N, C-alpha and C. Protein backbone atom coordinates (compact mmCIF):
# COMPACT_ATOMS: atom_id res chain seq x y z
N MET A 1 116.97 129.74 68.12
CA MET A 1 117.69 130.18 69.32
C MET A 1 117.36 129.24 70.48
N GLN A 2 118.38 128.72 71.11
CA GLN A 2 118.17 127.80 72.23
C GLN A 2 117.93 128.58 73.51
N ILE A 3 116.89 128.17 74.22
CA ILE A 3 116.55 128.84 75.47
C ILE A 3 117.35 128.21 76.60
N ASP A 4 117.96 129.05 77.40
CA ASP A 4 118.74 128.56 78.53
C ASP A 4 117.79 128.15 79.65
N CYS A 5 117.76 126.86 79.96
CA CYS A 5 116.82 126.34 80.96
C CYS A 5 117.35 126.57 82.37
N VAL A 6 116.43 126.78 83.28
CA VAL A 6 116.78 126.91 84.69
C VAL A 6 117.09 125.51 85.22
N PRO A 7 118.19 125.32 85.92
CA PRO A 7 118.51 123.99 86.46
C PRO A 7 117.40 123.46 87.36
N VAL A 8 117.12 122.18 87.24
CA VAL A 8 116.11 121.53 88.07
C VAL A 8 116.83 120.86 89.23
N PRO A 9 116.53 121.24 90.47
CA PRO A 9 117.24 120.64 91.62
C PRO A 9 117.09 119.12 91.64
N GLY A 10 118.20 118.43 91.88
CA GLY A 10 118.18 116.98 91.98
C GLY A 10 118.25 116.25 90.66
N CYS A 11 118.38 116.97 89.55
CA CYS A 11 118.43 116.32 88.24
C CYS A 11 119.82 116.43 87.64
N GLU A 12 120.11 115.47 86.77
CA GLU A 12 121.45 115.35 86.21
C GLU A 12 121.74 116.42 85.16
N LEU A 13 120.73 116.76 84.32
CA LEU A 13 120.94 117.64 83.18
C LEU A 13 120.26 118.98 83.38
N ARG A 14 120.81 119.99 82.74
CA ARG A 14 120.21 121.32 82.76
C ARG A 14 119.12 121.43 81.69
N ASP A 15 119.38 120.85 80.52
CA ASP A 15 118.43 120.90 79.41
C ASP A 15 117.78 119.53 79.22
N PRO A 16 116.48 119.49 78.93
CA PRO A 16 115.80 118.20 78.79
C PRO A 16 116.19 117.48 77.50
N VAL A 17 116.14 116.15 77.56
CA VAL A 17 116.35 115.30 76.39
C VAL A 17 115.16 114.34 76.30
N ILE A 18 114.97 113.74 75.13
CA ILE A 18 113.88 112.78 74.94
C ILE A 18 114.40 111.38 75.24
N ASP A 19 113.76 110.71 76.19
CA ASP A 19 114.12 109.35 76.55
C ASP A 19 112.94 108.41 76.28
N CYS A 20 113.25 107.15 76.01
CA CYS A 20 112.23 106.11 75.88
C CYS A 20 112.20 105.34 77.20
N ILE A 21 111.06 105.38 77.88
CA ILE A 21 110.95 104.68 79.16
C ILE A 21 109.82 103.64 79.06
N GLU A 22 109.98 102.55 79.79
CA GLU A 22 108.98 101.49 79.82
C GLU A 22 108.17 101.63 81.10
N VAL A 23 106.86 101.80 80.94
CA VAL A 23 106.00 102.06 82.09
C VAL A 23 104.67 101.32 81.92
N LEU A 24 103.95 101.19 83.04
CA LEU A 24 102.58 100.71 82.99
C LEU A 24 101.66 101.90 82.74
N LYS A 25 101.00 101.91 81.60
CA LYS A 25 100.08 102.99 81.26
C LYS A 25 98.66 102.59 81.67
N VAL A 26 97.97 103.50 82.34
CA VAL A 26 96.58 103.27 82.72
C VAL A 26 95.69 103.75 81.57
N TYR A 27 94.98 102.82 80.95
CA TYR A 27 94.11 103.16 79.83
C TYR A 27 92.74 103.63 80.30
N ASP A 28 92.27 103.07 81.39
CA ASP A 28 90.98 103.48 81.95
C ASP A 28 90.92 103.00 83.39
N GLN A 29 90.07 103.64 84.18
CA GLN A 29 89.95 103.27 85.59
C GLN A 29 88.64 103.78 86.15
N CYS A 30 88.20 103.17 87.23
CA CYS A 30 87.02 103.65 87.93
C CYS A 30 87.11 103.20 89.38
N VAL A 31 86.34 103.85 90.23
CA VAL A 31 86.24 103.50 91.64
C VAL A 31 84.81 103.05 91.91
N LYS A 32 84.67 101.90 92.55
CA LYS A 32 83.34 101.35 92.82
C LYS A 32 83.17 101.07 94.30
N GLU A 33 82.01 101.43 94.82
CA GLU A 33 81.68 101.15 96.22
C GLU A 33 80.66 100.02 96.27
N ASP A 34 80.97 98.98 97.02
CA ASP A 34 80.04 97.87 97.22
C ASP A 34 79.49 97.93 98.64
N VAL A 35 78.18 97.80 98.77
CA VAL A 35 77.52 97.68 100.07
C VAL A 35 76.87 96.30 100.09
N LEU A 36 77.37 95.43 100.97
CA LEU A 36 77.02 94.01 100.93
C LEU A 36 76.40 93.57 102.26
N PRO A 37 75.08 93.70 102.43
CA PRO A 37 74.43 93.20 103.65
C PRO A 37 74.25 91.69 103.57
N GLN A 38 74.30 91.04 104.73
CA GLN A 38 74.20 89.58 104.77
C GLN A 38 73.71 89.14 106.14
N GLN A 39 72.79 88.19 106.15
CA GLN A 39 72.33 87.60 107.41
C GLN A 39 73.17 86.37 107.71
N ILE A 40 73.72 86.30 108.94
CA ILE A 40 74.50 85.13 109.34
C ILE A 40 74.01 84.64 110.70
N ALA A 41 74.25 83.38 110.96
CA ALA A 41 73.80 82.77 112.21
C ALA A 41 74.71 83.19 113.37
N ILE A 42 74.17 83.15 114.57
CA ILE A 42 74.98 83.37 115.76
C ILE A 42 76.04 82.26 115.84
N PRO A 43 77.32 82.60 116.04
CA PRO A 43 78.36 81.57 116.06
C PRO A 43 78.13 80.54 117.17
N ALA A 44 78.61 79.33 116.92
CA ALA A 44 78.50 78.27 117.91
C ALA A 44 79.24 78.67 119.18
N GLY A 45 78.66 78.32 120.31
CA GLY A 45 79.26 78.67 121.60
C GLY A 45 78.71 79.92 122.20
N CYS A 46 77.92 80.68 121.42
CA CYS A 46 77.30 81.90 121.95
C CYS A 46 75.87 81.59 122.40
N PRO A 47 75.41 82.23 123.46
CA PRO A 47 74.01 82.04 123.85
C PRO A 47 73.08 82.62 122.79
N ASN A 48 71.96 81.97 122.60
CA ASN A 48 70.98 82.45 121.63
C ASN A 48 69.58 82.18 122.19
N PRO A 49 68.82 83.22 122.52
CA PRO A 49 69.07 84.61 122.16
C PRO A 49 70.20 85.24 122.97
N LEU A 50 70.77 86.31 122.39
CA LEU A 50 71.86 87.00 123.06
C LEU A 50 71.32 87.85 124.21
N PRO A 51 72.12 88.05 125.26
CA PRO A 51 71.66 88.87 126.38
C PRO A 51 71.48 90.33 125.97
N ALA A 52 70.64 91.02 126.72
CA ALA A 52 70.39 92.43 126.43
C ALA A 52 71.69 93.22 126.54
N GLY A 53 71.86 94.15 125.62
CA GLY A 53 73.06 95.01 125.63
C GLY A 53 74.26 94.41 124.93
N ALA A 54 74.12 93.20 124.37
CA ALA A 54 75.25 92.58 123.67
C ALA A 54 75.60 93.39 122.42
N THR A 55 76.88 93.38 122.07
CA THR A 55 77.36 94.09 120.88
C THR A 55 78.22 93.14 120.05
N VAL A 56 78.42 93.52 118.79
CA VAL A 56 79.18 92.68 117.85
C VAL A 56 80.30 93.51 117.24
N ASP A 57 81.53 92.99 117.36
CA ASP A 57 82.68 93.58 116.65
C ASP A 57 82.88 92.82 115.35
N CYS A 58 83.09 93.55 114.28
CA CYS A 58 83.28 92.93 112.96
C CYS A 58 84.50 93.55 112.31
N ALA A 59 85.38 92.72 111.75
CA ALA A 59 86.60 93.22 111.11
C ALA A 59 86.94 92.37 109.90
N LEU A 60 87.14 93.02 108.76
CA LEU A 60 87.58 92.31 107.57
C LEU A 60 89.01 91.83 107.78
N VAL A 61 89.33 90.68 107.23
CA VAL A 61 90.64 90.05 107.43
C VAL A 61 91.49 90.27 106.19
N PHE A 62 92.68 90.86 106.40
CA PHE A 62 93.61 91.11 105.29
C PHE A 62 94.92 90.34 105.48
N ASP A 63 94.92 89.36 106.38
CA ASP A 63 96.11 88.51 106.53
C ASP A 63 96.40 87.79 105.21
N VAL A 64 97.66 87.43 105.02
CA VAL A 64 98.06 86.76 103.78
C VAL A 64 97.59 85.31 103.81
N GLU A 65 96.91 84.90 102.75
CA GLU A 65 96.45 83.52 102.61
C GLU A 65 97.63 82.64 102.23
N ALA A 66 97.84 81.56 102.97
CA ALA A 66 99.02 80.71 102.75
C ALA A 66 99.03 80.09 101.36
N ALA A 67 97.87 79.70 100.85
CA ALA A 67 97.82 78.98 99.58
C ALA A 67 98.19 79.85 98.39
N THR A 68 97.87 81.15 98.46
CA THR A 68 98.08 82.03 97.30
C THR A 68 99.11 83.12 97.54
N GLY A 69 99.41 83.42 98.81
CA GLY A 69 100.29 84.55 99.10
C GLY A 69 99.61 85.89 98.93
N LEU A 70 98.28 85.89 98.81
CA LEU A 70 97.50 87.12 98.63
C LEU A 70 96.67 87.39 99.88
N PRO A 71 96.20 88.64 100.06
CA PRO A 71 95.36 88.94 101.22
C PRO A 71 94.07 88.11 101.21
N GLU A 72 93.60 87.73 102.40
CA GLU A 72 92.36 86.96 102.50
C GLU A 72 91.19 87.72 101.85
N THR A 73 91.08 89.00 102.18
CA THR A 73 90.06 89.84 101.56
C THR A 73 90.70 90.60 100.41
N ARG A 74 90.18 90.42 99.22
CA ARG A 74 90.80 91.03 98.05
C ARG A 74 89.79 91.10 96.91
N CYS A 75 90.11 91.92 95.91
CA CYS A 75 89.33 91.95 94.68
C CYS A 75 90.25 91.60 93.52
N GLU A 76 89.69 90.89 92.54
CA GLU A 76 90.48 90.42 91.40
C GLU A 76 89.68 90.58 90.12
N VAL A 77 90.34 91.02 89.06
CA VAL A 77 89.72 91.01 87.73
C VAL A 77 89.84 89.60 87.20
N ILE A 78 88.71 88.93 87.00
CA ILE A 78 88.75 87.53 86.57
C ILE A 78 88.43 87.37 85.09
N ASN A 79 87.91 88.44 84.44
CA ASN A 79 87.64 88.32 83.01
C ASN A 79 87.49 89.70 82.39
N VAL A 80 88.10 89.85 81.23
CA VAL A 80 87.91 91.05 80.40
C VAL A 80 87.33 90.57 79.09
N GLY A 81 86.10 90.98 78.81
CA GLY A 81 85.41 90.52 77.62
C GLY A 81 86.02 91.08 76.35
N PRO A 82 85.55 90.63 75.19
CA PRO A 82 86.06 91.16 73.92
C PRO A 82 85.68 92.62 73.76
N PRO A 83 86.63 93.46 73.32
CA PRO A 83 86.31 94.88 73.15
C PRO A 83 85.38 95.11 71.97
N ASP A 84 84.56 96.15 72.09
CA ASP A 84 83.69 96.52 70.97
C ASP A 84 84.47 97.35 69.96
N ALA A 85 83.77 97.92 69.00
CA ALA A 85 84.44 98.66 67.93
C ALA A 85 85.20 99.87 68.45
N GLU A 86 84.79 100.40 69.60
CA GLU A 86 85.46 101.57 70.18
C GLU A 86 86.48 101.18 71.24
N GLY A 87 86.65 99.89 71.49
CA GLY A 87 87.66 99.44 72.45
C GLY A 87 87.15 99.23 73.86
N PHE A 88 85.85 99.39 74.09
CA PHE A 88 85.29 99.20 75.43
C PHE A 88 84.90 97.74 75.64
N ALA A 89 85.07 97.27 76.88
CA ALA A 89 84.79 95.87 77.18
C ALA A 89 84.18 95.75 78.57
N ASP A 90 83.43 94.66 78.77
CA ASP A 90 82.90 94.34 80.10
C ASP A 90 84.02 93.71 80.93
N VAL A 91 84.24 94.27 82.11
CA VAL A 91 85.29 93.80 83.01
C VAL A 91 84.61 93.20 84.24
N THR A 92 84.85 91.92 84.48
CA THR A 92 84.22 91.22 85.61
C THR A 92 85.20 91.13 86.77
N VAL A 93 84.75 91.57 87.94
CA VAL A 93 85.58 91.61 89.14
C VAL A 93 84.98 90.68 90.19
N ARG A 94 85.84 89.88 90.79
CA ARG A 94 85.41 89.03 91.90
C ARG A 94 85.89 89.63 93.21
N GLN A 95 84.95 89.83 94.12
CA GLN A 95 85.27 90.35 95.45
C GLN A 95 85.27 89.20 96.44
N ARG A 96 86.43 88.93 97.03
CA ARG A 96 86.55 87.86 98.03
C ARG A 96 86.58 88.50 99.41
N ILE A 97 85.73 88.04 100.31
CA ILE A 97 85.61 88.66 101.63
C ILE A 97 85.74 87.60 102.72
N VAL A 98 86.59 87.87 103.68
CA VAL A 98 86.73 87.08 104.90
C VAL A 98 86.66 88.05 106.07
N PHE A 99 85.87 87.73 107.09
CA PHE A 99 85.78 88.64 108.23
C PHE A 99 85.64 87.86 109.53
N ASP A 100 86.04 88.52 110.62
CA ASP A 100 85.95 87.95 111.97
C ASP A 100 84.89 88.70 112.76
N ILE A 101 84.11 87.97 113.54
CA ILE A 101 83.14 88.61 114.43
C ILE A 101 83.39 88.14 115.86
N THR A 102 83.24 89.09 116.78
CA THR A 102 83.37 88.82 118.21
C THR A 102 82.16 89.43 118.90
N ILE A 103 81.49 88.65 119.72
CA ILE A 103 80.29 89.13 120.42
C ILE A 103 80.63 89.35 121.89
N ARG A 104 80.25 90.52 122.40
CA ARG A 104 80.53 90.89 123.79
C ARG A 104 79.23 91.19 124.53
N ASP A 105 79.28 91.02 125.85
CA ASP A 105 78.10 91.37 126.64
C ASP A 105 78.09 92.87 126.92
N ALA A 106 77.12 93.31 127.69
CA ALA A 106 76.96 94.75 127.94
C ALA A 106 78.14 95.35 128.68
N PHE A 107 78.96 94.52 129.33
CA PHE A 107 80.11 95.01 130.09
C PHE A 107 81.42 94.88 129.31
N GLY A 108 81.34 94.44 128.06
CA GLY A 108 82.54 94.31 127.23
C GLY A 108 83.22 92.97 127.31
N ASN A 109 82.68 92.04 128.09
CA ASN A 109 83.28 90.71 128.18
C ASN A 109 82.95 89.89 126.94
N VAL A 110 83.91 89.11 126.47
CA VAL A 110 83.71 88.31 125.26
C VAL A 110 82.80 87.13 125.56
N LEU A 111 81.71 87.05 124.82
CA LEU A 111 80.80 85.91 124.92
C LEU A 111 81.23 84.78 123.99
N CYS A 112 81.70 85.15 122.80
CA CYS A 112 82.23 84.16 121.86
C CYS A 112 83.02 84.88 120.77
N GLY A 113 83.93 84.13 120.18
CA GLY A 113 84.74 84.70 119.11
C GLY A 113 86.17 84.97 119.54
N PRO A 114 86.99 85.43 118.62
CA PRO A 114 86.55 85.76 117.25
C PRO A 114 86.25 84.52 116.42
N SER A 115 85.17 84.63 115.64
CA SER A 115 84.75 83.55 114.74
C SER A 115 84.93 84.02 113.31
N ARG A 116 85.57 83.20 112.50
CA ARG A 116 85.85 83.58 111.10
C ARG A 116 84.70 83.18 110.19
N VAL A 117 84.35 84.11 109.31
CA VAL A 117 83.29 83.89 108.33
C VAL A 117 83.88 84.06 106.94
N GLY A 118 83.63 83.10 106.07
CA GLY A 118 84.14 83.20 104.70
C GLY A 118 85.20 82.15 104.41
N PRO A 119 85.74 82.19 103.19
CA PRO A 119 85.56 83.27 102.21
C PRO A 119 84.20 83.23 101.53
N GLU A 120 83.72 84.44 101.20
CA GLU A 120 82.51 84.60 100.43
C GLU A 120 82.84 85.43 99.20
N PHE A 121 82.06 85.24 98.15
CA PHE A 121 82.40 85.85 96.87
C PHE A 121 81.22 86.65 96.33
N PHE A 122 81.54 87.83 95.81
CA PHE A 122 80.57 88.71 95.16
C PHE A 122 81.18 89.17 93.84
N PHE A 123 80.33 89.47 92.88
CA PHE A 123 80.82 89.77 91.54
C PHE A 123 80.23 91.09 91.03
N ASN A 124 81.05 91.83 90.27
CA ASN A 124 80.62 93.06 89.60
C ASN A 124 81.06 93.00 88.15
N THR A 125 80.32 93.69 87.30
CA THR A 125 80.74 93.90 85.91
C THR A 125 80.67 95.38 85.61
N VAL A 126 81.78 95.95 85.14
CA VAL A 126 81.84 97.37 84.80
C VAL A 126 82.33 97.49 83.36
N LEU A 127 82.04 98.62 82.74
CA LEU A 127 82.43 98.89 81.36
C LEU A 127 83.62 99.84 81.35
N LEU A 128 84.74 99.39 80.78
CA LEU A 128 85.95 100.21 80.72
C LEU A 128 86.59 100.10 79.35
N PHE A 129 87.40 101.10 79.01
CA PHE A 129 88.16 101.07 77.76
C PHE A 129 89.29 100.05 77.92
N ALA A 130 89.19 98.94 77.20
CA ALA A 130 90.14 97.83 77.37
C ALA A 130 90.46 97.21 76.02
N PRO A 131 91.25 97.91 75.19
CA PRO A 131 91.59 97.35 73.88
C PRO A 131 92.46 96.11 74.03
N ASP A 132 92.60 95.37 72.95
CA ASP A 132 93.44 94.17 72.96
C ASP A 132 94.86 94.53 73.41
N GLY A 133 95.44 93.65 74.24
CA GLY A 133 96.79 93.87 74.74
C GLY A 133 96.83 94.46 76.13
N THR A 134 95.67 94.84 76.67
CA THR A 134 95.63 95.39 78.03
C THR A 134 95.22 94.29 79.01
N PHE A 135 95.36 94.59 80.30
CA PHE A 135 94.93 93.65 81.34
C PHE A 135 94.30 94.45 82.48
N GLY A 136 93.55 93.75 83.32
CA GLY A 136 92.85 94.43 84.41
C GLY A 136 93.48 94.18 85.76
N GLN A 137 93.36 95.16 86.64
CA GLN A 137 93.82 95.05 88.02
C GLN A 137 92.78 95.67 88.94
N CYS A 138 92.70 95.13 90.16
CA CYS A 138 91.77 95.66 91.15
C CYS A 138 92.47 95.73 92.50
N ARG A 139 92.21 96.78 93.25
CA ARG A 139 92.74 96.88 94.61
C ARG A 139 91.71 97.55 95.51
N ILE A 140 91.71 97.14 96.76
CA ILE A 140 90.80 97.71 97.75
C ILE A 140 91.42 98.96 98.34
N LEU A 141 90.68 100.06 98.31
CA LEU A 141 91.16 101.33 98.85
C LEU A 141 90.77 101.51 100.31
N SER A 142 89.56 101.10 100.66
CA SER A 142 89.10 101.20 102.05
C SER A 142 87.96 100.21 102.26
N SER A 143 87.68 99.91 103.52
CA SER A 143 86.65 98.93 103.82
C SER A 143 86.07 99.17 105.20
N LEU A 144 84.89 98.59 105.43
CA LEU A 144 84.20 98.75 106.70
C LEU A 144 83.30 97.54 106.91
N CYS A 145 83.15 97.13 108.16
CA CYS A 145 82.26 96.01 108.49
C CYS A 145 81.48 96.38 109.75
N HIS A 146 80.17 96.14 109.70
CA HIS A 146 79.31 96.47 110.84
C HIS A 146 78.23 95.41 110.96
N CYS A 147 77.99 94.93 112.18
CA CYS A 147 76.98 93.89 112.42
C CYS A 147 75.96 94.37 113.45
N GLU A 148 74.70 94.04 113.21
CA GLU A 148 73.62 94.31 114.14
C GLU A 148 72.98 93.00 114.57
N ILE A 149 72.44 92.99 115.77
CA ILE A 149 71.70 91.83 116.27
C ILE A 149 70.22 92.05 115.97
N ILE A 150 69.61 91.12 115.22
CA ILE A 150 68.20 91.26 114.86
C ILE A 150 67.48 89.94 115.18
N PRO A 151 66.14 89.99 115.34
CA PRO A 151 65.39 88.75 115.57
C PRO A 151 65.48 87.85 114.34
N ASP A 152 65.58 86.56 114.57
CA ASP A 152 65.61 85.59 113.48
C ASP A 152 64.23 85.53 112.83
N PRO A 153 64.11 85.91 111.55
CA PRO A 153 62.78 85.92 110.93
C PRO A 153 62.18 84.53 110.77
N ASP A 154 63.00 83.49 110.82
CA ASP A 154 62.50 82.12 110.63
C ASP A 154 62.31 81.37 111.94
N ASN A 155 62.90 81.88 113.03
CA ASN A 155 62.81 81.21 114.33
C ASN A 155 62.55 82.25 115.42
N PRO A 156 61.29 82.59 115.65
CA PRO A 156 60.98 83.59 116.68
C PRO A 156 61.56 83.19 118.03
N GLY A 157 62.09 84.19 118.72
CA GLY A 157 62.70 83.95 120.02
C GLY A 157 64.20 83.78 119.94
N PHE A 158 64.75 83.67 118.74
CA PHE A 158 66.19 83.56 118.56
C PHE A 158 66.71 84.78 117.80
N ASP A 159 68.03 84.93 117.80
CA ASP A 159 68.67 86.06 117.13
C ASP A 159 69.53 85.60 115.96
N VAL A 160 69.74 86.51 115.03
CA VAL A 160 70.73 86.34 113.96
C VAL A 160 71.49 87.66 113.84
N LEU A 161 72.52 87.66 113.03
CA LEU A 161 73.31 88.87 112.81
C LEU A 161 73.08 89.39 111.40
N LEU A 162 72.90 90.69 111.29
CA LEU A 162 72.85 91.35 109.99
C LEU A 162 74.17 92.10 109.83
N CYS A 163 75.06 91.55 109.03
CA CYS A 163 76.40 92.13 108.85
C CYS A 163 76.48 92.82 107.49
N THR A 164 76.90 94.07 107.51
CA THR A 164 77.04 94.85 106.28
C THR A 164 78.51 95.16 106.06
N LYS A 165 79.02 94.71 104.92
CA LYS A 165 80.40 95.01 104.54
C LYS A 165 80.39 96.08 103.46
N LYS A 166 81.23 97.08 103.63
CA LYS A 166 81.37 98.12 102.61
C LYS A 166 82.81 98.10 102.10
N VAL A 167 82.94 98.07 100.79
CA VAL A 167 84.26 97.99 100.16
C VAL A 167 84.36 99.05 99.08
N CYS A 168 85.40 99.86 99.15
CA CYS A 168 85.71 100.84 98.10
C CYS A 168 86.92 100.31 97.34
N LYS A 169 86.75 100.09 96.03
CA LYS A 169 87.84 99.49 95.26
C LYS A 169 88.08 100.26 93.97
N GLU A 170 89.31 100.15 93.51
CA GLU A 170 89.75 100.80 92.28
C GLU A 170 89.99 99.72 91.23
N ILE A 171 89.37 99.88 90.07
CA ILE A 171 89.53 98.94 88.96
C ILE A 171 90.26 99.67 87.83
N GLN A 172 91.34 99.07 87.35
CA GLN A 172 92.16 99.72 86.32
C GLN A 172 92.40 98.78 85.15
N ILE A 173 92.53 99.38 83.97
CA ILE A 173 92.96 98.67 82.77
C ILE A 173 94.33 99.22 82.40
N LYS A 174 95.32 98.31 82.27
CA LYS A 174 96.70 98.74 82.07
C LYS A 174 97.36 97.96 80.93
N ALA A 175 98.51 98.48 80.50
CA ALA A 175 99.38 97.75 79.58
C ALA A 175 100.79 98.28 79.76
N LEU A 176 101.76 97.40 79.56
CA LEU A 176 103.16 97.79 79.61
C LEU A 176 103.53 98.39 78.25
N VAL A 177 103.93 99.66 78.25
CA VAL A 177 104.20 100.37 77.00
C VAL A 177 105.54 101.10 77.10
N LYS A 178 106.02 101.56 75.95
CA LYS A 178 107.22 102.39 75.89
C LYS A 178 106.80 103.78 75.45
N LEU A 179 107.17 104.79 76.24
CA LEU A 179 106.78 106.16 75.97
C LEU A 179 108.00 107.04 75.76
N CYS A 180 107.90 107.98 74.82
CA CYS A 180 108.92 109.01 74.67
C CYS A 180 108.55 110.18 75.57
N VAL A 181 109.43 110.52 76.47
CA VAL A 181 109.15 111.61 77.41
C VAL A 181 110.38 112.51 77.54
N PRO A 182 110.16 113.81 77.74
CA PRO A 182 111.30 114.69 78.01
C PRO A 182 111.80 114.47 79.44
N THR A 183 113.09 114.31 79.59
CA THR A 183 113.66 114.10 80.92
C THR A 183 114.86 115.00 81.13
N TYR A 184 115.24 115.13 82.38
CA TYR A 184 116.44 115.87 82.75
C TYR A 184 117.51 114.91 83.24
N GLY A 185 117.57 113.74 82.62
CA GLY A 185 118.58 112.77 83.00
C GLY A 185 118.19 112.03 84.26
N PHE A 186 119.18 111.46 84.90
CA PHE A 186 118.94 110.68 86.11
C PHE A 186 118.78 111.59 87.32
N CYS A 187 118.08 111.09 88.31
CA CYS A 187 117.95 111.82 89.57
C CYS A 187 119.25 111.69 90.35
N VAL A 188 119.73 112.81 90.83
CA VAL A 188 120.97 112.83 91.62
C VAL A 188 120.57 112.97 93.08
N PRO A 189 120.80 111.95 93.91
CA PRO A 189 120.37 112.04 95.31
C PRO A 189 121.16 113.09 96.08
N ALA A 190 120.46 113.78 96.94
CA ALA A 190 121.11 114.76 97.82
C ALA A 190 121.67 114.05 99.04
N PRO A 191 122.63 114.66 99.71
CA PRO A 191 123.16 114.06 100.95
C PRO A 191 122.04 113.87 101.96
N CYS A 192 122.14 112.80 102.74
CA CYS A 192 121.12 112.52 103.76
C CYS A 192 121.14 113.61 104.83
N VAL A 193 119.97 113.94 105.33
CA VAL A 193 119.82 114.93 106.39
C VAL A 193 119.28 114.22 107.62
N THR A 194 119.86 114.49 108.76
CA THR A 194 119.39 113.92 110.02
C THR A 194 118.98 115.03 110.97
N ARG A 195 118.14 114.68 111.92
CA ARG A 195 117.69 115.66 112.90
C ARG A 195 118.82 115.98 113.88
N PRO A 196 119.08 117.27 114.15
CA PRO A 196 120.12 117.62 115.13
C PRO A 196 119.81 117.03 116.50
N GLN A 197 120.86 116.64 117.21
CA GLN A 197 120.72 116.06 118.54
C GLN A 197 121.20 117.07 119.58
N PRO A 198 120.29 117.85 120.19
CA PRO A 198 120.73 118.92 121.09
C PRO A 198 121.49 118.41 122.32
N GLU A 199 121.17 117.19 122.75
CA GLU A 199 121.86 116.68 123.94
C GLU A 199 123.24 116.11 123.60
N PHE A 200 123.54 116.06 122.31
CA PHE A 200 124.83 115.53 121.88
C PHE A 200 125.34 116.39 120.73
N PRO A 201 125.90 117.59 121.04
CA PRO A 201 126.36 118.48 119.98
C PRO A 201 127.52 117.86 119.21
N CYS A 202 127.44 117.98 117.90
CA CYS A 202 128.49 117.43 117.04
C CYS A 202 128.71 118.39 115.89
N PRO A 203 129.92 118.99 115.77
CA PRO A 203 131.07 118.78 116.67
C PRO A 203 130.88 119.53 117.99
N PRO A 204 131.57 119.10 119.03
CA PRO A 204 131.49 119.83 120.31
C PRO A 204 132.09 121.22 120.16
N GLU A 205 131.74 122.09 121.10
CA GLU A 205 132.20 123.48 120.99
C GLU A 205 133.71 123.60 121.16
N ASN A 206 134.27 122.88 122.09
CA ASN A 206 135.71 123.01 122.38
C ASN A 206 136.44 121.74 121.93
N ILE A 207 136.89 121.77 120.69
CA ILE A 207 137.59 120.59 120.18
C ILE A 207 139.10 120.78 120.18
N PHE A 208 139.56 122.01 120.49
CA PHE A 208 141.00 122.27 120.56
C PHE A 208 141.36 122.72 121.97
N PRO A 209 142.62 122.49 122.39
CA PRO A 209 143.06 122.99 123.70
C PRO A 209 142.97 124.51 123.74
N PRO A 210 142.75 125.10 124.90
CA PRO A 210 142.64 126.56 124.99
C PRO A 210 143.95 127.25 124.64
N GLN A 211 143.83 128.46 124.08
CA GLN A 211 145.02 129.26 123.76
C GLN A 211 145.68 129.75 125.04
N ARG A 212 146.97 130.03 124.94
CA ARG A 212 147.70 130.61 126.07
C ARG A 212 147.18 132.02 126.31
N PRO A 213 146.82 132.34 127.54
CA PRO A 213 146.30 133.70 127.80
C PRO A 213 147.39 134.75 127.61
N ARG A 214 146.98 135.93 127.18
CA ARG A 214 147.95 137.02 127.01
C ARG A 214 148.35 137.58 128.37
N PRO A 215 149.61 137.97 128.47
CA PRO A 215 150.02 138.67 129.71
C PRO A 215 149.21 139.94 129.89
N SER A 216 148.96 140.29 131.13
CA SER A 216 148.11 141.45 131.41
C SER A 216 148.69 142.75 130.90
N GLY A 217 150.02 142.82 130.72
CA GLY A 217 150.62 144.08 130.27
C GLY A 217 150.63 144.24 128.77
N ASP A 218 150.29 143.17 128.02
CA ASP A 218 150.33 143.27 126.55
C ASP A 218 149.18 144.12 126.06
N VAL A 219 149.48 144.86 124.99
CA VAL A 219 148.46 145.70 124.37
C VAL A 219 147.77 144.90 123.28
């Protein structure tokens, strides 16, 4: 006995059918947080030691790199090792970081900068299910950069910057596959909806000429 399906709003068919669709299937994934402290020199043009009350602004750079067309700060899967008997493999990720620092005095005036630092590279290896025929992808989900002014441990009386970059990234193993899935046909778009304009009623209230008034004696 065939069950009468309830219509699905916005779908072409009332009853589902099996379709073959080509999609990117995620075989495995993980999220990794990197905390990357680094000592850097005070940029050229800035007084050293820095005046009391000075602060440092730090921002990761995501502008598009002209040579590659990719963001300056990015993560990339650079190698997927041979899978073991269960299909797991070591996945090596390269983290590329570029950041700008600006140093201000106690009143917010710029002492120097913005000065660009990088690119710098950091590497991770994670274990993921990556059978033959799959490939790896990495994307940055969120990031943070913070710099502190500290005494130079090698040159007393001078300052250096301790900059900590934090990066949250998603690493995925994918493959292009064909899946059989139940579908309700194609999506049927609904008419576009716009916000009413109260100062411009459409249609206007009086779009026709007024009716002839009735004589006062008519019933």
